[in-house]
Structures are given as C-alpha cells and as structure tokens.
C-alpha cells in the first residue's frame, strides 16, 4: 500500500475504541476499523488531497484517565464512508465493539476507516507538528478535532 509522502492525519479517538479497533485490524478477514466524526468536510478534503494513496495517521487518545499532549497510536487512513442517518452503513462489522454498545455514540456525518492500527513504540509530541497549509507548529496543546497535518 503506497502512502502519501506529504500529508498526514492527526485525530482524537477514545482509548476504549482504540483497543477494540486494534482487535478488528488484527483480524485477517476484517483488517480495518471505522471511527465516527462530524468533520465530513475535512475528510472530503483529505480524500481529494490523497487521491488513491493511504495517509499516515497519528492518533491521540481522548477520554483517557490522563490526557497526554502526544500521539500514542498510529494507523493508515484508507478512506471515508458517508453516514446513513448518522449510522455507519457497514453495520457493526468494522466498528469498535464499545462504540456500538455506547448509547451516546453515533450521529456522525462520516466514518473514517483505517488499517494497521497499533500503539506507537515512542510517543510523538503534538507540539511541533504543523497543520497542512500552515507554517506554524502546534503549541503545547492539541486540536480538538481531526486535522490534516504535514507528514512528520
């Protein structure tokens, strides 16, 4: 799978969903996981920029006991699926089990799909990463929504 050389994705995902998502990615017959977002315009733009290439993705765990100012997971973004009335059209096959079971989960505009989800061996500080089209690096905080960034 070829990976875009210039752009990357930085996104928050709840810790429990990451753990469940890794299990889905590790299964040969499934191999990917879909996370929900309301940022459908961002993912449309990302798909225009990437063409047919996968996009390196850094993920920082949200809703963790102790939030870190670092990405602690990585994956390859492979595409998006527009929601069908807020629901992932592929059913629960590619969704994290705890996301499916969470009564507050859903109402997303888009589902973004990744493969090869795994914890990073070494955390990547968010401070210093640069947003796509921006010249200024992030400071000692993180974007609250998915962001297209320059590939680190």
C-alpha atoms as a PDB file:
ATOM      1  CA  UNK A   1       0.000   0.000   0.000  1.00  0.00           C
ATOM      2  CA  UNK A   2       1.511   3.310  -1.078  1.00  0.00           C
ATOM      3  CA  UNK A   3       1.439   6.128   1.452  1.00  0.00           C
ATOM      4  CA  UNK A   4       1.164   9.838   0.654  1.00  0.00           C
ATOM      5  CA  UNK A   5       4.603  11.405   1.166  1.00  0.00           C
ATOM      6  CA  UNK A   6       3.486  14.900   2.263  1.00  0.00           C
ATOM      7  CA  UNK A   7       0.275  14.801   4.285  1.00  0.00           C
ATOM      8  CA  UNK A   8      -0.832  13.017   7.438  1.00  0.00           C
ATOM      9  CA  UNK A   9      -3.884  12.921   9.662  1.00  0.00           C
ATOM     10  CA  UNK A  10      -3.920  13.798  13.366  1.00  0.00           C
ATOM     11  CA  UNK A  11      -7.075  12.710  15.183  1.00  0.00           C
ATOM     12  CA  UNK A  12      -8.545  12.069  18.644  1.00  0.00           C
ATOM     13  CA  UNK A  13     -10.163   8.699  19.399  1.00  0.00           C
ATOM     14  CA  UNK A  14     -11.409   7.432  22.773  1.00  0.00           C
ATOM     15  CA  UNK A  15      -8.954   4.985  24.347  1.00  0.00           C
ATOM     16  CA  UNK A  16     -11.503   2.158  24.608  1.00  0.00           C
ATOM     17  CA  UNK A  17     -12.290   2.463  20.897  1.00  0.00           C
ATOM     18  CA  UNK A  18      -8.588   2.229  20.043  1.00  0.00           C
ATOM     19  CA  UNK A  19      -8.195  -1.010  21.957  1.00  0.00           C
ATOM     20  CA  UNK A  20     -11.273  -2.523  20.274  1.00  0.00           C
ATOM     21  CA  UNK A  21     -10.190  -1.139  16.901  1.00  0.00           C
ATOM     22  CA  UNK A  22      -6.807  -2.835  17.121  1.00  0.00           C
ATOM     23  CA  UNK A  23      -8.558  -6.174  17.566  1.00  0.00           C
ATOM     24  CA  UNK A  24     -10.545  -5.566  14.369  1.00  0.00           C
ATOM     25  CA  UNK A  25      -7.450  -4.534  12.428  1.00  0.00           C
ATOM     26  CA  UNK A  26      -5.597  -7.636  13.621  1.00  0.00           C
ATOM     27  CA  UNK A  27      -8.291  -9.966  12.241  1.00  0.00           C
ATOM     28  CA  UNK A  28      -7.402 -11.084   8.721  1.00  0.00           C
ATOM     29  CA  UNK A  29     -10.984 -11.159   7.463  1.00  0.00           C
ATOM     30  CA  UNK A  30     -11.749  -7.687   8.814  1.00  0.00           C
ATOM     31  CA  UNK A  31      -8.450  -5.789   8.769  1.00  0.00           C
ATOM     32  CA  UNK A  32      -9.816  -2.270   9.297  1.00  0.00           C
ATOM     33  CA  UNK A  33     -11.825  -0.166  11.730  1.00  0.00           C
ATOM     34  CA  UNK A  34     -14.173   2.787  11.202  1.00  0.00           C
ATOM     35  CA  UNK A  35     -14.287   5.739  13.605  1.00  0.00           C
ATOM     36  CA  UNK A  36     -17.047   8.363  13.555  1.00  0.00           C
ATOM     37  CA  UNK A  37     -16.669  12.108  13.044  1.00  0.00           C
ATOM     38  CA  UNK A  38     -18.786  15.154  12.322  1.00  0.00           C
ATOM     39  CA  UNK A  39     -15.973  16.662  10.240  1.00  0.00           C
ATOM     40  CA  UNK A  40     -17.169  15.348   6.881  1.00  0.00           C
ATOM     41  CA  UNK A  41     -15.710  18.357   5.017  1.00  0.00           C
ATOM     42  CA  UNK A  42     -12.238  17.665   6.417  1.00  0.00           C
ATOM     43  CA  UNK A  43     -12.382  14.034   5.274  1.00  0.00           C
ATOM     44  CA  UNK A  44     -13.678  15.042   1.843  1.00  0.00           C
ATOM     45  CA  UNK A  45     -10.706  17.415   1.546  1.00  0.00           C
ATOM     46  CA  UNK A  46      -8.323  14.713   2.763  1.00  0.00           C
ATOM     47  CA  UNK A  47      -9.629  12.313   0.114  1.00  0.00           C
ATOM     48  CA  UNK A  48      -9.136  14.954  -2.605  1.00  0.00           C
ATOM     49  CA  UNK A  49      -5.553  15.547  -1.456  1.00  0.00           C
ATOM     50  CA  UNK A  50      -4.604  11.883  -1.112  1.00  0.00           C
ATOM     51  CA  UNK A  51      -6.008  10.511  -4.363  1.00  0.00           C
ATOM     52  CA  UNK A  52      -5.608   6.725  -4.173  1.00  0.00           C
ATOM     53  CA  UNK A  53      -2.835   6.811  -1.549  1.00  0.00           C
ATOM     54  CA  UNK A  54      -3.140   5.829   2.101  1.00  0.00           C
ATOM     55  CA  UNK A  55      -2.391   8.563   4.645  1.00  0.00           C
ATOM     56  CA  UNK A  56      -0.169   8.098   7.682  1.00  0.00           C
ATOM     57  CA  UNK A  57      -2.285   8.779  10.772  1.00  0.00           C
ATOM     58  CA  UNK A  58      -1.293   9.814  14.282  1.00  0.00           C
ATOM     59  CA  UNK A  59      -3.931   9.316  16.964  1.00  0.00           C
ATOM     60  CA  UNK A  60      -4.076  10.756  20.437  1.00  0.00           C
ATOM     61  CA  UNK A  61      -6.274   9.024  22.964  1.00  0.00           C
ATOM     62  CA  UNK A  62      -9.215  11.131  24.097  1.00  0.00           C
ATOM     63  CA  UNK A  63     -11.351  10.391  27.138  1.00  0.00           C
ATOM     64  CA  UNK A  64      -8.319   8.816  28.802  1.00  0.00           C
ATOM     65  CA  UNK A  65      -7.708   8.929  32.545  1.00  0.00           C
ATOM     66  CA  UNK A  66      -4.708  11.132  31.913  1.00  0.00           C
ATOM     67  CA  UNK A  67      -4.615  13.083  28.652  1.00  0.00           C
ATOM     68  CA  UNK A  68      -1.226  13.287  27.023  1.00  0.00           C
ATOM     69  CA  UNK A  69      -0.030  16.001  24.694  1.00  0.00           C
ATOM     70  CA  UNK A  70       1.280  13.269  22.418  1.00  0.00           C
ATOM     71  CA  UNK A  71       0.042  10.877  19.792  1.00  0.00           C
ATOM     72  CA  UNK A  72       0.292   7.355  21.162  1.00  0.00           C
ATOM     73  CA  UNK A  73      -1.212   5.357  18.256  1.00  0.00           C
ATOM     74  CA  UNK A  74      -0.642   5.174  14.502  1.00  0.00           C
ATOM     75  CA  UNK A  75      -2.587   3.794  11.554  1.00  0.00           C
ATOM     76  CA  UNK A  76      -3.101   4.190   7.819  1.00  0.00           C
ATOM     77  CA  UNK A  77      -6.160   6.153   6.735  1.00  0.00           C
ATOM     78  CA  UNK A  78      -7.687   4.423   3.713  1.00  0.00           C
ATOM     79  CA  UNK A  79     -10.942   6.286   3.146  1.00  0.00           C
ATOM     80  CA  UNK A  80     -14.254   7.568   4.400  1.00  0.00           C
ATOM     81  CA  UNK A  81     -17.844   6.405   4.264  1.00  0.00           C
ATOM     82  CA  UNK A  82     -20.635   8.963   4.478  1.00  0.00           C
ATOM     83  CA  UNK A  83     -23.076   8.192   7.271  1.00  0.00           C
ATOM     84  CA  UNK A  84     -26.564   6.909   6.591  1.00  0.00           C
ATOM     85  CA  UNK A  85     -28.757   8.891   9.020  1.00  0.00           C
ATOM     86  CA  UNK A  86     -25.785   9.099  11.406  1.00  0.00           C
ATOM     87  CA  UNK A  87     -25.128   5.364  11.267  1.00  0.00           C
ATOM     88  CA  UNK A  88     -22.203   3.528   9.676  1.00  0.00           C
ATOM     89  CA  UNK A  89     -23.666   1.843   6.578  1.00  0.00           C
ATOM     90  CA  UNK A  90     -21.414  -1.207   7.033  1.00  0.00           C
ATOM     91  CA  UNK A  91     -23.165  -2.243  10.243  1.00  0.00           C
ATOM     92  CA  UNK A  92     -21.091  -3.174  13.263  1.00  0.00           C
ATOM     93  CA  UNK A  93     -18.506  -5.320  11.450  1.00  0.00           C
ATOM     94  CA  UNK A  94     -15.908  -2.520  11.233  1.00  0.00           C
ATOM     95  CA  UNK A  95     -16.916  -0.525  14.302  1.00  0.00           C
ATOM     96  CA  UNK A  96     -15.252  -0.826  17.725  1.00  0.00           C
ATOM     97  CA  UNK A  97     -17.395  -3.040  19.974  1.00  0.00           C
ATOM     98  CA  UNK A  98     -17.627  -0.425  22.722  1.00  0.00           C
ATOM     99  CA  UNK A  99     -18.664   2.232  20.191  1.00  0.00           C
ATOM    100  CA  UNK A 100     -21.510   0.013  19.003  1.00  0.00           C
ATOM    101  CA  UNK A 101     -22.577  -0.632  22.617  1.00  0.00           C
ATOM    102  CA  UNK A 102     -22.345   3.026  23.714  1.00  0.00           C
ATOM    103  CA  UNK A 103     -25.839   4.611  23.721  1.00  0.00           C
ATOM    104  CA  UNK A 104     -24.256   8.091  23.307  1.00  0.00           C
ATOM    105  CA  UNK A 105     -22.216   7.027  20.266  1.00  0.00           C
ATOM    106  CA  UNK A 106     -23.475   7.915  16.828  1.00  0.00           C
ATOM    107  CA  UNK A 107     -24.981  10.774  14.922  1.00  0.00           C
ATOM    108  CA  UNK A 108     -21.788  11.114  12.923  1.00  0.00           C
ATOM    109  CA  UNK A 109     -21.646  12.689   9.474  1.00  0.00           C
ATOM    110  CA  UNK A 110     -18.812  10.483   8.258  1.00  0.00           C
ATOM    111  CA  UNK A 111     -16.883   7.400   9.266  1.00  0.00           C
ATOM    112  CA  UNK A 112     -13.162   7.338   8.583  1.00  0.00           C
ATOM    113  CA  UNK A 113     -11.518   3.991   8.030  1.00  0.00           C
ATOM    114  CA  UNK A 114      -8.015   2.938   8.989  1.00  0.00           C
ATOM    115  CA  UNK A 115      -5.885  -0.169   8.672  1.00  0.00           C
ATOM    116  CA  UNK A 116      -2.808  -1.269  10.596  1.00  0.00           C
ATOM    117  CA  UNK A 117      -3.890   0.448  13.827  1.00  0.00           C
ATOM    118  CA  UNK A 118      -1.280  -0.045  16.559  1.00  0.00           C
ATOM    119  CA  UNK A 119       0.250   1.691  19.564  1.00  0.00           C
ATOM    120  CA  UNK A 120       3.347   3.729  18.814  1.00  0.00           C
ATOM    121  CA  UNK A 121       6.624   2.455  20.235  1.00  0.00           C
ATOM    122  CA  UNK A 122       7.529   6.032  21.111  1.00  0.00           C
ATOM    123  CA  UNK A 123       5.034   8.847  21.651  1.00  0.00           C
ATOM    124  CA  UNK A 124       5.010  11.703  19.144  1.00  0.00           C
ATOM    125  CA  UNK A 125       4.575  15.118  20.824  1.00  0.00           C
ATOM    126  CA  UNK A 126       1.776  17.139  19.244  1.00  0.00           C
ATOM    127  CA  UNK A 127       3.647  20.379  19.937  1.00  0.00           C
ATOM    128  CA  UNK A 128       5.803  20.889  16.893  1.00  0.00           C
ATOM    129  CA  UNK A 129       3.522  19.153  14.377  1.00  0.00           C
ATOM    130  CA  UNK A 130       2.475  21.508  11.587  1.00  0.00           C
ATOM    131  CA  UNK A 131      -1.030  21.816  10.169  1.00  0.00           C
ATOM    132  CA  UNK A 132      -1.353  21.347   6.403  1.00  0.00           C
ATOM    133  CA  UNK A 133      -1.074  24.726   4.694  1.00  0.00           C
ATOM    134  CA  UNK A 134       0.121  26.384   7.891  1.00  0.00           C
ATOM    135  CA  UNK A 135       3.636  27.492   8.682  1.00  0.00           C
ATOM    136  CA  UNK A 136       3.117  27.494  12.428  1.00  0.00           C
ATOM    137  CA  UNK A 137       3.583  24.369  14.543  1.00  0.00           C
ATOM    138  CA  UNK A 138       1.062  23.401  17.189  1.00  0.00           C
ATOM    139  CA  UNK A 139       1.988  24.621  20.655  1.00  0.00           C
ATOM    140  CA  UNK A 140       1.590  22.764  23.946  1.00  0.00           C
ATOM    141  CA  UNK A 141      -1.992  21.729  23.237  1.00  0.00           C
ATOM    142  CA  UNK A 142      -3.824  19.711  20.623  1.00  0.00           C
ATOM    143  CA  UNK A 143      -6.585  20.282  18.120  1.00  0.00           C
ATOM    144  CA  UNK A 144      -9.933  19.081  19.451  1.00  0.00           C
ATOM    145  CA  UNK A 145     -10.952  17.671  16.074  1.00  0.00           C
ATOM    146  CA  UNK A 146      -9.217  15.693  13.332  1.00  0.00           C
ATOM    147  CA  UNK A 147      -6.671  17.761  11.410  1.00  0.00           C
ATOM    148  CA  UNK A 148      -4.698  17.374   8.228  1.00  0.00           C
ATOM    149  CA  UNK A 149      -1.039  17.921   9.024  1.00  0.00           C
ATOM    150  CA  UNK A 150       2.296  17.842   7.255  1.00  0.00           C
ATOM    151  CA  UNK A 151       3.693  14.345   7.409  1.00  0.00           C
ATOM    152  CA  UNK A 152       6.206  14.170  10.289  1.00  0.00           C
END
